[in-house]
Amino acid sequence: MPHLEQWPTGRLLTTAARLVEHAWNERLVSIGVTHAGVIALGVLETQGAMTQANLAQLVRVQAQTMGKTLSRLELRGHILRTRSDIDRRSHAVSITPAGSRVLGEAKDVERTLIAGEGLVSSELRSHLQSVIEDLGAPRWNWEADDAPAASRRAGLPEPALIDD
């Protein structure tokens, strides 16, 4: 193992995040969804139908990136895109019953990802939430006290596993 004690904190954090995402995606492939897909499905389940642009904004990714994720979800029957009657260029995106089922399975994957308390300790979650609040507030125009509430209102999963 490399000399981890010599790594800067930023390198430790980004490496850990990538390793968690890789491990999660390796397990999610068996149920036909990606980490990004789980994030999108979670928002659609809690917030209801919305446009691709709105969904991308809530998840904090580019609309093009969200489009690729939605295409994969649509191919598997996890979402439905319905053309707007008001603006024929726009589509409302909604979660299907199959999408809700796969989201439930994905939540089970997350709960069993790492044995023990490593990823689910309240201390680690608290530190990660602080990092996201401190660095996310100016980037995403959050009020300092509003950052956690904004994520909950948007239907986003807890901050520990959000990705682009």
Protein backbone atom coordinates (compact mmCIF):
# COMPACT_ATOMS: atom_id res chain seq x y z
CA MET A 1 0.00 0.00 0.00
CA PRO A 2 1.37 3.46 -0.81
CA HIS A 3 2.31 5.71 2.08
CA LEU A 4 -1.19 7.07 2.62
CA GLU A 5 -0.14 9.02 5.69
CA GLN A 6 1.94 11.21 3.36
CA TRP A 7 -0.90 11.98 0.94
CA PRO A 8 -2.53 15.42 1.13
CA THR A 9 -6.11 15.43 2.38
CA GLY A 10 -7.50 16.37 -1.03
CA ARG A 11 -5.88 13.35 -2.64
CA LEU A 12 -7.24 11.07 0.10
CA LEU A 13 -10.74 12.50 -0.36
CA THR A 14 -10.84 12.27 -4.16
CA THR A 15 -9.29 8.79 -4.21
CA ALA A 16 -11.76 7.53 -1.60
CA ALA A 17 -14.69 9.05 -3.53
CA ARG A 18 -13.60 7.39 -6.78
CA LEU A 19 -13.10 4.03 -5.08
CA VAL A 20 -16.55 4.18 -3.47
CA GLU A 21 -18.14 5.11 -6.80
CA HIS A 22 -16.32 2.31 -8.66
CA ALA A 23 -17.34 -0.25 -6.03
CA TRP A 24 -20.94 0.99 -6.15
CA ASN A 25 -21.09 0.96 -9.96
CA GLU A 26 -19.68 -2.58 -10.04
CA ARG A 27 -22.62 -3.70 -7.91
CA LEU A 28 -25.20 -1.52 -9.65
CA VAL A 29 -24.38 -3.00 -13.06
CA SER A 30 -26.14 -6.21 -11.99
CA ILE A 31 -29.42 -4.29 -11.65
CA GLY A 32 -28.91 -2.27 -14.82
CA VAL A 33 -28.31 1.22 -13.48
CA THR A 34 -25.37 3.56 -12.84
CA HIS A 35 -24.64 5.80 -9.89
CA ALA A 36 -25.72 8.82 -11.94
CA GLY A 37 -28.93 7.00 -12.84
CA VAL A 38 -29.68 6.32 -9.18
CA ILE A 39 -29.25 10.01 -8.37
CA ALA A 40 -31.65 11.00 -11.19
CA LEU A 41 -34.22 8.37 -10.18
CA GLY A 42 -34.05 9.51 -6.56
CA VAL A 43 -34.84 13.10 -7.50
CA LEU A 44 -37.67 12.06 -9.83
CA GLU A 45 -39.18 9.83 -7.16
CA THR A 46 -39.21 12.57 -4.52
CA GLN A 47 -39.88 15.62 -6.70
CA GLY A 48 -42.07 14.19 -9.46
CA ALA A 49 -41.94 14.80 -13.20
CA MET A 50 -39.80 17.66 -14.49
CA THR A 51 -37.81 18.72 -17.53
CA GLN A 52 -34.35 17.39 -18.26
CA ALA A 53 -32.95 20.88 -17.69
CA ASN A 54 -34.59 21.16 -14.25
CA LEU A 55 -33.38 17.71 -13.29
CA ALA A 56 -29.83 18.54 -14.41
CA GLN A 57 -29.92 21.75 -12.38
CA LEU A 58 -31.08 19.95 -9.23
CA VAL A 59 -28.41 17.25 -9.60
CA ARG A 60 -25.81 19.91 -10.48
CA VAL A 61 -24.70 18.51 -13.83
CA GLN A 62 -24.89 19.81 -17.39
CA ALA A 63 -28.11 19.14 -19.34
CA GLN A 64 -26.09 17.13 -21.91
CA THR A 65 -24.69 14.90 -19.17
CA MET A 66 -28.19 14.36 -17.81
CA GLY A 67 -29.42 13.56 -21.32
CA LYS A 68 -27.00 10.64 -21.60
CA THR A 69 -28.05 9.33 -18.20
CA LEU A 70 -31.73 9.64 -19.08
CA SER A 71 -31.24 7.85 -22.40
CA ARG A 72 -29.80 4.84 -20.56
CA LEU A 73 -32.63 4.91 -18.02
CA GLU A 74 -35.25 5.20 -20.77
CA LEU A 75 -33.81 2.21 -22.68
CA ARG A 76 -34.25 0.09 -19.56
CA GLY A 77 -37.78 1.37 -18.89
CA HIS A 78 -36.85 3.22 -15.69
CA ILE A 79 -38.09 6.62 -16.85
CA LEU A 80 -40.65 7.97 -19.28
CA ARG A 81 -40.28 11.13 -21.36
CA THR A 82 -43.54 12.80 -22.33
CA ARG A 83 -43.66 15.67 -24.82
CA SER A 84 -45.04 18.89 -23.38
CA ASP A 85 -48.35 20.10 -24.81
CA ILE A 86 -47.26 23.68 -24.21
CA ASP A 87 -43.76 23.51 -25.72
CA ARG A 88 -43.38 20.62 -28.18
CA ARG A 89 -39.58 20.87 -27.88
CA SER A 90 -39.70 20.08 -24.18
CA HIS A 91 -40.28 16.74 -22.46
CA ALA A 92 -41.38 15.97 -18.92
CA VAL A 93 -39.30 13.18 -17.39
CA SER A 94 -40.92 10.87 -14.84
CA ILE A 95 -39.97 7.70 -13.01
CA THR A 96 -41.76 4.46 -13.94
CA PRO A 97 -42.73 1.62 -11.59
CA ALA A 98 -39.68 -0.27 -12.90
CA GLY A 99 -37.54 2.76 -12.03
CA SER A 100 -38.94 2.83 -8.50
CA ARG A 101 -38.15 -0.87 -8.09
CA VAL A 102 -34.56 -0.49 -9.31
CA LEU A 103 -34.13 2.55 -7.04
CA GLY A 104 -35.15 0.41 -4.06
CA GLU A 105 -32.62 -2.24 -5.09
CA ALA A 106 -29.94 0.44 -5.47
CA LYS A 107 -30.61 1.67 -1.94
CA ASP A 108 -30.00 -1.88 -0.72
CA VAL A 109 -26.70 -1.92 -2.64
CA GLU A 110 -25.66 1.32 -0.95
CA ARG A 111 -26.55 0.00 2.51
CA THR A 112 -24.41 -3.13 2.00
CA LEU A 113 -21.52 -1.55 0.08
CA ILE A 114 -18.96 -1.51 2.85
CA ALA A 115 -19.10 -3.88 5.78
CA GLY A 116 -18.91 -2.24 9.18
CA GLU A 117 -19.34 1.39 10.09
CA GLY A 118 -16.74 2.95 7.76
CA LEU A 119 -19.02 4.72 5.30
CA VAL A 120 -22.03 5.12 7.51
CA SER A 121 -20.45 6.59 10.63
CA SER A 122 -22.13 9.79 11.75
CA GLU A 123 -18.72 11.39 12.26
CA LEU A 124 -17.66 10.80 8.63
CA ARG A 125 -21.05 11.95 7.33
CA SER A 126 -20.83 15.10 9.42
CA HIS A 127 -17.35 15.92 8.10
CA LEU A 128 -18.43 15.31 4.49
CA GLN A 129 -21.53 17.45 4.94
CA SER A 130 -19.40 20.27 6.30
CA VAL A 131 -17.03 20.09 3.33
CA ILE A 132 -19.95 20.14 0.89
CA GLU A 133 -21.68 23.00 2.70
CA ASP A 134 -18.49 25.08 2.95
CA LEU A 135 -17.39 24.56 -0.65
CA GLY A 136 -20.84 24.20 -2.22
CA ALA A 137 -22.44 27.34 -0.79
CA PRO A 138 -20.52 29.85 -2.92
CA ARG A 139 -20.43 27.59 -5.98
CA TRP A 140 -24.17 26.84 -5.97
CA ASN A 141 -25.36 30.15 -4.48
CA TRP A 142 -26.57 28.57 -1.25
CA GLU A 143 -27.09 30.53 1.89
CA ALA A 144 -24.72 29.00 4.45
CA ASP A 145 -27.58 27.78 6.68
CA ASP A 146 -29.67 26.65 3.70
CA ALA A 147 -27.26 24.13 2.11
CA PRO A 148 -28.57 20.92 3.74
CA ALA A 149 -32.18 22.02 3.39
CA ALA A 150 -31.63 22.77 -0.31
CA SER A 151 -30.42 19.23 -0.92
CA ARG A 152 -33.39 17.74 0.92
CA ARG A 153 -35.86 19.96 -0.96
CA ALA A 154 -34.25 18.92 -4.24
CA GLY A 155 -34.72 15.28 -3.32
CA LEU A 156 -31.01 14.61 -3.49
CA PRO A 157 -29.51 11.71 -1.59
CA GLU A 158 -27.42 12.49 1.41
CA PRO A 159 -24.28 14.33 0.29
CA ALA A 160 -21.83 11.49 0.90
CA LEU A 161 -22.36 9.83 -2.50
CA ILE A 162 -23.33 12.56 -4.97
CA ASP A 163 -21.35 12.65 -8.20
CA ASP A 164 -21.45 14.17 -11.63
